[in-house]
């Protein structure tokens, strides 16, 4: 089940410069595994040592923050759009 994944500029070095890629997964968790298979090193940028989403990374499925859905267990279907968005801090 392919979904469109939008990659932020800081992670594009890992995706050969691609801003959008196709990946497969029934859940966000399995999608991250497919992203790692296609682009080694990407999973480490998204998840911490415990396998949880890093604090400064937000993932949206169809513009909904997965933290308010089912987190990594959020289900995906054909045609969904997933956006990886790094948190921005400033003052």
Protein backbone atom coordinates (compact mmCIF):
# COMPACT_ATOMS: atom_id res chain seq x y z
CA UNK A 1 0.00 0.00 0.00
CA UNK A 2 1.99 2.99 -1.23
CA UNK A 3 1.72 6.33 0.50
CA UNK A 4 3.34 9.64 -0.34
CA UNK A 5 5.94 10.72 2.22
CA UNK A 6 7.12 14.32 2.33
CA UNK A 7 10.71 14.66 3.50
CA UNK A 8 11.98 17.86 5.17
CA UNK A 9 15.08 19.55 3.81
CA UNK A 10 17.40 18.43 6.66
CA UNK A 11 16.69 14.75 5.89
CA UNK A 12 16.89 14.92 2.11
CA UNK A 13 20.59 14.02 2.13
CA UNK A 14 19.42 10.55 3.20
CA UNK A 15 16.78 10.36 0.44
CA UNK A 16 19.13 11.30 -2.40
CA UNK A 17 17.69 14.81 -2.43
CA UNK A 18 14.10 13.71 -2.89
CA UNK A 19 11.45 15.89 -1.25
CA UNK A 20 8.71 13.30 -1.83
CA UNK A 21 9.02 9.54 -1.90
CA UNK A 22 6.73 6.54 -2.05
CA UNK A 23 6.80 4.04 0.79
CA UNK A 24 4.67 1.18 2.05
CA UNK A 25 3.28 0.24 5.43
CA UNK A 26 0.05 -0.69 7.15
CA UNK A 27 0.98 1.55 10.10
CA UNK A 28 3.34 4.46 10.65
CA UNK A 29 5.66 2.01 12.45
CA UNK A 30 5.91 -0.31 9.43
CA UNK A 31 6.22 2.72 7.14
CA UNK A 32 9.31 3.82 9.09
CA UNK A 33 10.75 0.32 8.61
CA UNK A 34 10.18 0.59 4.84
CA UNK A 35 11.79 4.04 4.80
CA UNK A 36 14.82 2.54 6.58
CA UNK A 37 14.98 -0.29 4.03
CA UNK A 38 14.98 2.22 1.16
CA UNK A 39 17.11 4.88 2.84
CA UNK A 40 19.41 3.46 5.55
CA UNK A 41 19.92 5.83 8.48
CA UNK A 42 16.55 7.54 8.23
CA UNK A 43 14.98 5.53 11.07
CA UNK A 44 17.69 6.69 13.50
CA UNK A 45 16.82 10.30 12.68
CA UNK A 46 13.12 9.70 13.40
CA UNK A 47 13.17 7.36 16.40
CA UNK A 48 15.19 7.40 19.62
CA UNK A 49 17.08 4.46 21.17
CA UNK A 50 13.84 3.18 22.77
CA UNK A 51 12.10 3.17 19.39
CA UNK A 52 9.91 6.16 20.23
CA UNK A 53 9.41 9.19 18.01
CA UNK A 54 12.05 11.80 18.77
CA UNK A 55 10.73 14.87 20.61
CA UNK A 56 11.75 17.23 17.83
CA UNK A 57 10.15 15.21 15.02
CA UNK A 58 6.46 15.46 14.17
CA UNK A 59 4.74 13.08 11.78
CA UNK A 60 1.42 13.93 10.19
CA UNK A 61 -0.94 11.60 8.34
CA UNK A 62 -3.26 13.58 6.10
CA UNK A 63 -2.44 16.73 8.13
CA UNK A 64 -3.27 15.05 11.48
CA UNK A 65 -0.50 14.80 14.09
CA UNK A 66 -0.02 11.10 14.89
CA UNK A 67 0.52 11.99 18.56
CA UNK A 68 -3.21 12.79 18.68
CA UNK A 69 -4.13 9.66 16.71
CA UNK A 70 -2.59 6.29 17.57
CA UNK A 71 1.06 7.39 17.42
CA UNK A 72 3.21 4.81 15.59
CA UNK A 73 0.24 2.42 15.42
CA UNK A 74 -1.75 4.90 13.27
CA UNK A 75 -3.06 2.91 10.30
CA UNK A 76 -2.34 3.92 6.72
CA UNK A 77 -4.18 3.29 3.47
CA UNK A 78 -3.43 3.76 -0.21
CA UNK A 79 -3.15 7.41 -1.14
CA UNK A 80 -2.48 8.71 2.37
CA UNK A 81 0.00 11.55 2.66
CA UNK A 82 2.59 11.46 5.42
CA UNK A 83 4.62 14.53 6.30
CA UNK A 84 7.74 14.44 8.45
CA UNK A 85 8.18 17.84 10.08
CA UNK A 86 11.08 18.77 12.36
CA UNK A 87 10.11 20.97 15.28
CA UNK A 88 11.43 24.51 15.08
CA UNK A 89 12.53 26.39 18.17
CA UNK A 90 13.50 29.95 18.46
CA UNK A 91 13.12 33.00 20.50
